[in-house]
């Protein structure tokens, strides 16, 4: 499982509702609105799954990283 950070950019996003519903305790909101998410897949797949690619949940940057 990979770890991703999702950084909202621009206007309002629905990430605060979408990510907890879809990922439960595999999603952690940071104090400034960014999210850590554990996910099996690529950045593009995650972006597609949560509606960022089509802008249905708003605009955000999705980055995969390892610690």
Protein backbone atom coordinates (compact mmCIF):
# COMPACT_ATOMS: atom_id res chain seq x y z
CA UNK A 1 0.00 0.00 0.00
CA UNK A 2 1.34 3.44 -0.95
CA UNK A 3 1.02 6.70 0.93
CA UNK A 4 -0.19 9.84 -0.81
CA UNK A 5 -0.60 13.45 0.14
CA UNK A 6 -3.50 15.35 -1.37
CA UNK A 7 -3.13 19.13 -1.41
CA UNK A 8 -6.27 21.13 -2.25
CA UNK A 9 -5.65 24.09 -4.57
CA UNK A 10 -7.93 26.89 -5.64
CA UNK A 11 -11.55 27.09 -4.58
CA UNK A 12 -13.67 24.86 -2.44
CA UNK A 13 -13.27 21.09 -2.50
CA UNK A 14 -15.42 18.25 -1.19
CA UNK A 15 -12.40 16.30 0.05
CA UNK A 16 -13.43 16.70 3.72
CA UNK A 17 -16.55 14.67 2.96
CA UNK A 18 -15.28 12.36 0.21
CA UNK A 19 -12.07 11.02 1.75
CA UNK A 20 -13.41 9.92 5.17
CA UNK A 21 -16.40 8.26 3.49
CA UNK A 22 -14.30 6.41 0.93
CA UNK A 23 -11.19 5.57 2.99
CA UNK A 24 -12.22 5.68 6.67
CA UNK A 25 -9.17 5.47 8.93
CA UNK A 26 -6.85 5.20 5.89
CA UNK A 27 -7.29 8.97 5.42
CA UNK A 28 -5.92 11.57 7.83
CA UNK A 29 -6.68 15.29 7.52
CA UNK A 30 -3.82 17.62 8.40
CA UNK A 31 -4.39 20.99 10.15
CA UNK A 32 -4.15 23.08 6.96
CA UNK A 33 -6.55 20.93 4.91
CA UNK A 34 -4.08 18.54 3.28
CA UNK A 35 -4.73 14.80 3.50
CA UNK A 36 -2.56 11.70 3.95
CA UNK A 37 -4.16 8.65 2.30
CA UNK A 38 -3.10 4.99 2.14
CA UNK A 39 -4.11 3.57 -1.23
CA UNK A 40 -3.30 0.61 -3.48
CA UNK A 41 -2.72 2.23 -6.86
CA UNK A 42 -1.12 5.16 -8.63
CA UNK A 43 -1.56 8.90 -8.15
CA UNK A 44 -3.67 8.99 -11.29
CA UNK A 45 -5.91 6.15 -10.10
CA UNK A 46 -6.45 7.85 -6.75
CA UNK A 47 -7.20 11.14 -8.48
CA UNK A 48 -9.74 9.37 -10.70
CA UNK A 49 -11.33 7.47 -7.79
CA UNK A 50 -11.96 10.57 -5.68
CA UNK A 51 -13.10 12.80 -8.52
CA UNK A 52 -10.16 15.16 -8.80
CA UNK A 53 -9.37 14.21 -12.41
CA UNK A 54 -12.86 15.29 -13.50
CA UNK A 55 -12.99 18.17 -10.99
CA UNK A 56 -16.15 16.80 -9.35
CA UNK A 57 -14.60 17.15 -5.87
CA UNK A 58 -12.53 20.24 -6.69
CA UNK A 59 -8.90 20.80 -7.62
CA UNK A 60 -5.99 19.20 -5.80
CA UNK A 61 -2.47 17.91 -6.27
CA UNK A 62 -2.00 14.20 -5.56
CA UNK A 63 1.55 13.09 -4.73
CA UNK A 64 2.89 9.64 -3.92
CA UNK A 65 5.76 9.50 -1.45
CA UNK A 66 7.69 7.11 0.71
CA UNK A 67 9.01 7.81 4.18
